[in-house]
Amino acid sequence: EESQAKIRVDANAGWTVEQAIRMVQMLAEFDVECVEQPLPPADLDGLRQVRKAAPMPIMVDESILMARDIPRLADCVDGVNIKLMKCGGLREALRLIHTARSHGLQVLIGCMIETSVAITAAAHLTPLVDYADLDGHLLITNDPYTGVTVQNGRLILPDTPGLGIHPRTDLGLRNGG
């Protein structure tokens, strides 16, 4: 059976313009869905060059922190990666999503290694975005909370009040930790 998995590449600002152009052209044969942050965050001219050469969308992460950062990037990239822990929370994440959309950009909601509290909060925004990369809580063995789950590669939101998170009782933790 052929895999339905999608490949995304995150260079974490590690390439030069020349390397990035070479890489996006090479990666095209592997049906890469998008390339994230190929260049250092401030290299807007370089991002324009890479975007022009790339057969797949070019996204940024480290280049944006707040919604006010998006207008200067709108002609340089195809999309943005929004992280709640980086932008400061749900309100700014919503501003980022709407600002990106108003500039015709795709939106990925991502994360770092975070507990189920932050991942579940971000997961509530997924109906507003194109891509979700919210697996940071799966890398924590002693996450003190439960919330969003992953079933067959899909995020399943809890159906309880608020964010839907609950303290775990199976870890033997007291007083939250």
C-alpha atoms as a PDB file:
ATOM      1  CA  GLU A   1       0.000   0.000   0.000  1.00  0.00           C
ATOM      2  CA  GLU A   2       1.335   3.411  -0.962  1.00  0.00           C
ATOM      3  CA  SER A   3       1.778   5.943   1.830  1.00  0.00           C
ATOM      4  CA  GLN A   4      -0.410   9.031   1.928  1.00  0.00           C
ATOM      5  CA  ALA A   5       2.186  10.838   4.066  1.00  0.00           C
ATOM      6  CA  LYS A   6       3.225  14.321   3.008  1.00  0.00           C
ATOM      7  CA  ILE A   7       6.809  15.526   3.266  1.00  0.00           C
ATOM      8  CA  ARG A   8       7.548  19.022   4.541  1.00  0.00           C
ATOM      9  CA  VAL A   9      11.089  20.346   4.831  1.00  0.00           C
ATOM     10  CA  ASP A  10      12.149  22.847   7.486  1.00  0.00           C
ATOM     11  CA  ALA A  11      15.638  24.251   6.887  1.00  0.00           C
ATOM     12  CA  ASN A  12      15.499  26.301  10.120  1.00  0.00           C
ATOM     13  CA  ALA A  13      17.187  29.254   8.401  1.00  0.00           C
ATOM     14  CA  GLY A  14      20.208  27.106   7.570  1.00  0.00           C
ATOM     15  CA  TRP A  15      20.673  27.604   3.824  1.00  0.00           C
ATOM     16  CA  THR A  16      22.181  30.320   1.672  1.00  0.00           C
ATOM     17  CA  VAL A  17      20.131  31.617  -1.260  1.00  0.00           C
ATOM     18  CA  GLU A  18      22.132  29.462  -3.665  1.00  0.00           C
ATOM     19  CA  GLN A  19      21.737  26.345  -1.521  1.00  0.00           C
ATOM     20  CA  ALA A  20      18.017  26.976  -1.080  1.00  0.00           C
ATOM     21  CA  ILE A  21      17.393  27.374  -4.804  1.00  0.00           C
ATOM     22  CA  ARG A  22      19.313  24.173  -5.487  1.00  0.00           C
ATOM     23  CA  MET A  23      17.439  22.325  -2.726  1.00  0.00           C
ATOM     24  CA  VAL A  24      13.898  23.377  -3.694  1.00  0.00           C
ATOM     25  CA  GLN A  25      14.535  22.293  -7.265  1.00  0.00           C
ATOM     26  CA  MET A  26      15.973  18.967  -6.109  1.00  0.00           C
ATOM     27  CA  LEU A  27      13.177  18.391  -3.571  1.00  0.00           C
ATOM     28  CA  ALA A  28      10.506  18.878  -6.226  1.00  0.00           C
ATOM     29  CA  GLU A  29      11.062  15.329  -7.481  1.00  0.00           C
ATOM     30  CA  PHE A  30      10.050  14.017  -4.030  1.00  0.00           C
ATOM     31  CA  ASP A  31       6.702  15.854  -4.080  1.00  0.00           C
ATOM     32  CA  VAL A  32       7.630  17.957  -1.043  1.00  0.00           C
ATOM     33  CA  GLU A  33       4.532  19.793   0.160  1.00  0.00           C
ATOM     34  CA  CYS A  34       6.356  22.946   1.292  1.00  0.00           C
ATOM     35  CA  VAL A  35       9.732  24.264   2.438  1.00  0.00           C
ATOM     36  CA  GLU A  36       9.851  26.237   5.655  1.00  0.00           C
ATOM     37  CA  GLN A  37      12.302  28.967   6.590  1.00  0.00           C
ATOM     38  CA  PRO A  38      15.031  28.219   4.047  1.00  0.00           C
ATOM     39  CA  LEU A  39      16.972  31.413   4.846  1.00  0.00           C
ATOM     40  CA  PRO A  40      17.819  33.616   7.828  1.00  0.00           C
ATOM     41  CA  PRO A  41      14.725  35.523   9.019  1.00  0.00           C
ATOM     42  CA  ALA A  42      15.718  38.983   7.747  1.00  0.00           C
ATOM     43  CA  ASP A  43      16.762  37.936   4.210  1.00  0.00           C
ATOM     44  CA  LEU A  44      13.653  39.165   2.390  1.00  0.00           C
ATOM     45  CA  ASP A  45      15.368  39.599  -0.983  1.00  0.00           C
ATOM     46  CA  GLY A  46      16.697  36.065  -0.717  1.00  0.00           C
ATOM     47  CA  LEU A  47      13.241  34.732   0.142  1.00  0.00           C
ATOM     48  CA  ARG A  48      11.853  36.405  -2.984  1.00  0.00           C
ATOM     49  CA  GLN A  49      14.522  34.680  -5.097  1.00  0.00           C
ATOM     50  CA  VAL A  50      13.871  31.276  -3.538  1.00  0.00           C
ATOM     51  CA  ARG A  51      10.109  31.657  -3.888  1.00  0.00           C
ATOM     52  CA  LYS A  52      10.492  32.510  -7.569  1.00  0.00           C
ATOM     53  CA  ALA A  53      12.603  29.369  -8.135  1.00  0.00           C
ATOM     54  CA  ALA A  54      10.525  27.014  -5.982  1.00  0.00           C
ATOM     55  CA  PRO A  55       7.906  24.683  -7.433  1.00  0.00           C
ATOM     56  CA  MET A  56       6.393  24.256  -3.961  1.00  0.00           C
ATOM     57  CA  PRO A  57       5.188  26.828  -1.393  1.00  0.00           C
ATOM     58  CA  ILE A  58       7.821  28.624   0.689  1.00  0.00           C
ATOM     59  CA  MET A  59       6.750  29.218   4.292  1.00  0.00           C
ATOM     60  CA  VAL A  60       8.353  31.215   7.102  1.00  0.00           C
ATOM     61  CA  ASP A  61       8.430  30.671  10.831  1.00  0.00           C
ATOM     62  CA  GLU A  62      11.276  32.581  12.462  1.00  0.00           C
ATOM     63  CA  SER A  63      10.616  35.567  10.170  1.00  0.00           C
ATOM     64  CA  ILE A  64       7.335  36.359  11.934  1.00  0.00           C
ATOM     65  CA  LEU A  65       6.437  36.947  15.542  1.00  0.00           C
ATOM     66  CA  MET A  66       3.422  39.245  15.374  1.00  0.00           C
ATOM     67  CA  ALA A  67       0.738  40.139  12.833  1.00  0.00           C
ATOM     68  CA  ARG A  68       2.530  43.414  12.060  1.00  0.00           C
ATOM     69  CA  ASP A  69       5.421  41.363  10.587  1.00  0.00           C
ATOM     70  CA  ILE A  70       3.299  39.879   7.816  1.00  0.00           C
ATOM     71  CA  PRO A  71       2.884  42.818   5.384  1.00  0.00           C
ATOM     72  CA  ARG A  72       6.652  43.076   4.753  1.00  0.00           C
ATOM     73  CA  LEU A  73       6.777  39.329   3.993  1.00  0.00           C
ATOM     74  CA  ALA A  74       3.656  39.037   1.861  1.00  0.00           C
ATOM     75  CA  ASP A  75       5.488  39.309  -1.478  1.00  0.00           C
ATOM     76  CA  CYS A  76       8.389  37.110  -0.321  1.00  0.00           C
ATOM     77  CA  VAL A  77       6.665  33.867   0.662  1.00  0.00           C
ATOM     78  CA  ASP A  78       3.577  31.744   0.165  1.00  0.00           C
ATOM     79  CA  GLY A  79       2.711  31.205   3.808  1.00  0.00           C
ATOM     80  CA  VAL A  80       3.463  31.505   7.496  1.00  0.00           C
ATOM     81  CA  ASN A  81       3.885  29.120  10.420  1.00  0.00           C
ATOM     82  CA  ILE A  82       2.143  30.399  13.537  1.00  0.00           C
ATOM     83  CA  LYS A  83       3.081  29.101  16.979  1.00  0.00           C
ATOM     84  CA  LEU A  84       1.132  30.109  20.075  1.00  0.00           C
ATOM     85  CA  MET A  85       4.206  30.018  22.281  1.00  0.00           C
ATOM     86  CA  LYS A  86       6.049  32.335  19.934  1.00  0.00           C
ATOM     87  CA  CYS A  87       3.326  34.891  19.241  1.00  0.00           C
ATOM     88  CA  GLY A  88       2.018  35.134  22.787  1.00  0.00           C
ATOM     89  CA  GLY A  89      -1.322  33.347  22.683  1.00  0.00           C
ATOM     90  CA  LEU A  90      -4.677  32.873  21.034  1.00  0.00           C
ATOM     91  CA  ARG A  91      -5.499  36.550  20.425  1.00  0.00           C
ATOM     92  CA  GLU A  92      -2.283  37.265  18.498  1.00  0.00           C
ATOM     93  CA  ALA A  93      -2.547  33.920  16.692  1.00  0.00           C
ATOM     94  CA  LEU A  94      -5.988  34.951  15.432  1.00  0.00           C
ATOM     95  CA  ARG A  95      -4.565  38.318  14.323  1.00  0.00           C
ATOM     96  CA  LEU A  96      -1.771  36.482  12.508  1.00  0.00           C
ATOM     97  CA  ILE A  97      -4.214  34.142  10.758  1.00  0.00           C
ATOM     98  CA  HIS A  98      -6.478  36.965   9.599  1.00  0.00           C
ATOM     99  CA  THR A  99      -3.586  39.192   8.553  1.00  0.00           C
ATOM    100  CA  ALA A 100      -1.985  36.344   6.603  1.00  0.00           C
ATOM    101  CA  ARG A 101      -5.301  35.598   4.887  1.00  0.00           C
ATOM    102  CA  SER A 102      -5.793  39.277   3.988  1.00  0.00           C
ATOM    103  CA  HIS A 103      -2.407  39.124   2.236  1.00  0.00           C
ATOM    104  CA  GLY A 104      -3.265  35.924   0.368  1.00  0.00           C
ATOM    105  CA  LEU A 105      -0.912  33.718   2.392  1.00  0.00           C
ATOM    106  CA  GLN A 106      -1.315  30.101   3.415  1.00  0.00           C
ATOM    107  CA  VAL A 107      -1.282  29.346   7.136  1.00  0.00           C
ATOM    108  CA  LEU A 108       0.347  26.510   9.049  1.00  0.00           C
ATOM    109  CA  ILE A 109      -0.199  26.261  12.781  1.00  0.00           C
ATOM    110  CA  GLY A 110       2.787  24.636  14.426  1.00  0.00           C
ATOM    111  CA  CYS A 111       4.320  24.088  17.812  1.00  0.00           C
ATOM    112  CA  MET A 112       7.427  23.350  19.772  1.00  0.00           C
ATOM    113  CA  ILE A 113       7.663  20.676  22.458  1.00  0.00           C
ATOM    114  CA  GLU A 114       4.688  21.764  24.582  1.00  0.00           C
ATOM    115  CA  THR A 115       2.182  20.196  26.926  1.00  0.00           C
ATOM    116  CA  SER A 116      -1.343  19.286  25.924  1.00  0.00           C
ATOM    117  CA  VAL A 117      -2.527  22.648  27.269  1.00  0.00           C
ATOM    118  CA  ALA A 118      -0.838  24.643  24.481  1.00  0.00           C
ATOM    119  CA  ILE A 119      -1.337  21.991  21.795  1.00  0.00           C
ATOM    120  CA  THR A 120      -5.062  21.724  22.550  1.00  0.00           C
ATOM    121  CA  ALA A 121      -5.427  25.517  22.483  1.00  0.00           C
ATOM    122  CA  ALA A 122      -3.700  25.641  19.082  1.00  0.00           C
ATOM    123  CA  ALA A 123      -5.780  22.714  17.812  1.00  0.00           C
ATOM    124  CA  HIS A 124      -8.930  24.782  18.360  1.00  0.00           C
ATOM    125  CA  LEU A 125      -7.644  27.128  15.619  1.00  0.00           C
ATOM    126  CA  THR A 126      -7.115  24.389  13.023  1.00  0.00           C
ATOM    127  CA  PRO A 127     -10.408  24.999  11.169  1.00  0.00           C
ATOM    128  CA  LEU A 128      -8.950  28.407  10.209  1.00  0.00           C
ATOM    129  CA  VAL A 129      -5.650  27.156   8.765  1.00  0.00           C
ATOM    130  CA  ASP A 130      -4.383  25.133   5.814  1.00  0.00           C
ATOM    131  CA  TYR A 131      -1.911  22.915   7.648  1.00  0.00           C
ATOM    132  CA  ALA A 132      -1.482  21.732  11.229  1.00  0.00           C
ATOM    133  CA  ASP A 133       1.734  20.424  12.752  1.00  0.00           C
ATOM    134  CA  LEU A 134       0.703  19.934  16.359  1.00  0.00           C
ATOM    135  CA  ASP A 135       2.575  16.948  17.702  1.00  0.00           C
ATOM    136  CA  GLY A 136       4.745  18.517  20.415  1.00  0.00           C
ATOM    137  CA  HIS A 137       2.762  16.948  23.252  1.00  0.00           C
ATOM    138  CA  LEU A 138       3.401  13.471  21.856  1.00  0.00           C
ATOM    139  CA  LEU A 139       7.092  13.926  22.668  1.00  0.00           C
ATOM    140  CA  ILE A 140       6.442  14.443  26.397  1.00  0.00           C
ATOM    141  CA  THR A 141       6.124  11.256  28.443  1.00  0.00           C
ATOM    142  CA  ASN A 142       5.057  13.046  31.621  1.00  0.00           C
ATOM    143  CA  ASP A 143       2.621  15.597  30.156  1.00  0.00           C
ATOM    144  CA  PRO A 144       0.497  16.479  33.202  1.00  0.00           C
ATOM    145  CA  TYR A 145      -2.635  17.060  31.085  1.00  0.00           C
ATOM    146  CA  THR A 146      -4.767  15.380  28.445  1.00  0.00           C
ATOM    147  CA  GLY A 147      -6.579  17.226  25.713  1.00  0.00           C
ATOM    148  CA  VAL A 148      -6.450  16.886  21.953  1.00  0.00           C
ATOM    149  CA  THR A 149      -5.653  13.375  20.758  1.00  0.00           C
ATOM    150  CA  VAL A 150      -4.291  12.057  17.488  1.00  0.00           C
ATOM    151  CA  GLN A 151      -6.152   9.210  15.806  1.00  0.00           C
ATOM    152  CA  ASN A 152      -5.051   7.892  12.421  1.00  0.00           C
ATOM    153  CA  GLY A 153      -3.090  11.079  11.827  1.00  0.00           C
ATOM    154  CA  ARG A 154      -6.022  13.369  12.639  1.00  0.00           C
ATOM    155  CA  LEU A 155      -6.363  15.760  15.560  1.00  0.00           C
ATOM    156  CA  ILE A 156      -9.444  14.976  17.630  1.00  0.00           C
ATOM    157  CA  LEU A 157     -10.589  17.875  19.805  1.00  0.00           C
ATOM    158  CA  PRO A 158     -12.115  17.098  23.186  1.00  0.00           C
ATOM    159  CA  ASP A 159     -15.822  17.822  23.522  1.00  0.00           C
ATOM    160  CA  THR A 160     -15.751  19.073  27.100  1.00  0.00           C
ATOM    161  CA  PRO A 161     -16.064  22.733  28.236  1.00  0.00           C
ATOM    162  CA  GLY A 162     -13.305  25.276  27.815  1.00  0.00           C
ATOM    163  CA  LEU A 163     -10.233  24.004  25.993  1.00  0.00           C
ATOM    164  CA  GLY A 164     -11.231  20.492  27.017  1.00  0.00           C
ATOM    165  CA  ILE A 165      -8.065  19.718  28.933  1.00  0.00           C
ATOM    166  CA  HIS A 166      -7.955  17.649  32.093  1.00  0.00           C
ATOM    167  CA  PRO A 167      -5.205  16.834  34.589  1.00  0.00           C
ATOM    168  CA  ARG A 168      -3.790  13.345  34.202  1.00  0.00           C
ATOM    169  CA  THR A 169      -4.228  11.176  37.264  1.00  0.00           C
ATOM    170  CA  ASP A 170      -1.934   8.327  36.234  1.00  0.00           C
ATOM    171  CA  LEU A 171       1.406  10.095  36.781  1.00  0.00           C
ATOM    172  CA  GLY A 172       1.392  10.332  40.552  1.00  0.00           C
ATOM    173  CA  LEU A 173       1.923  14.104  40.358  1.00  0.00           C
ATOM    174  CA  ARG A 174       0.633  16.354  43.109  1.00  0.00           C
ATOM    175  CA  ASN A 175      -0.171  20.042  42.994  1.00  0.00           C
ATOM    176  CA  GLY A 176       0.367  20.210  39.245  1.00  0.00           C
ATOM    177  CA  GLY A 177       3.817  18.776  39.210  1.00  0.00           C
END
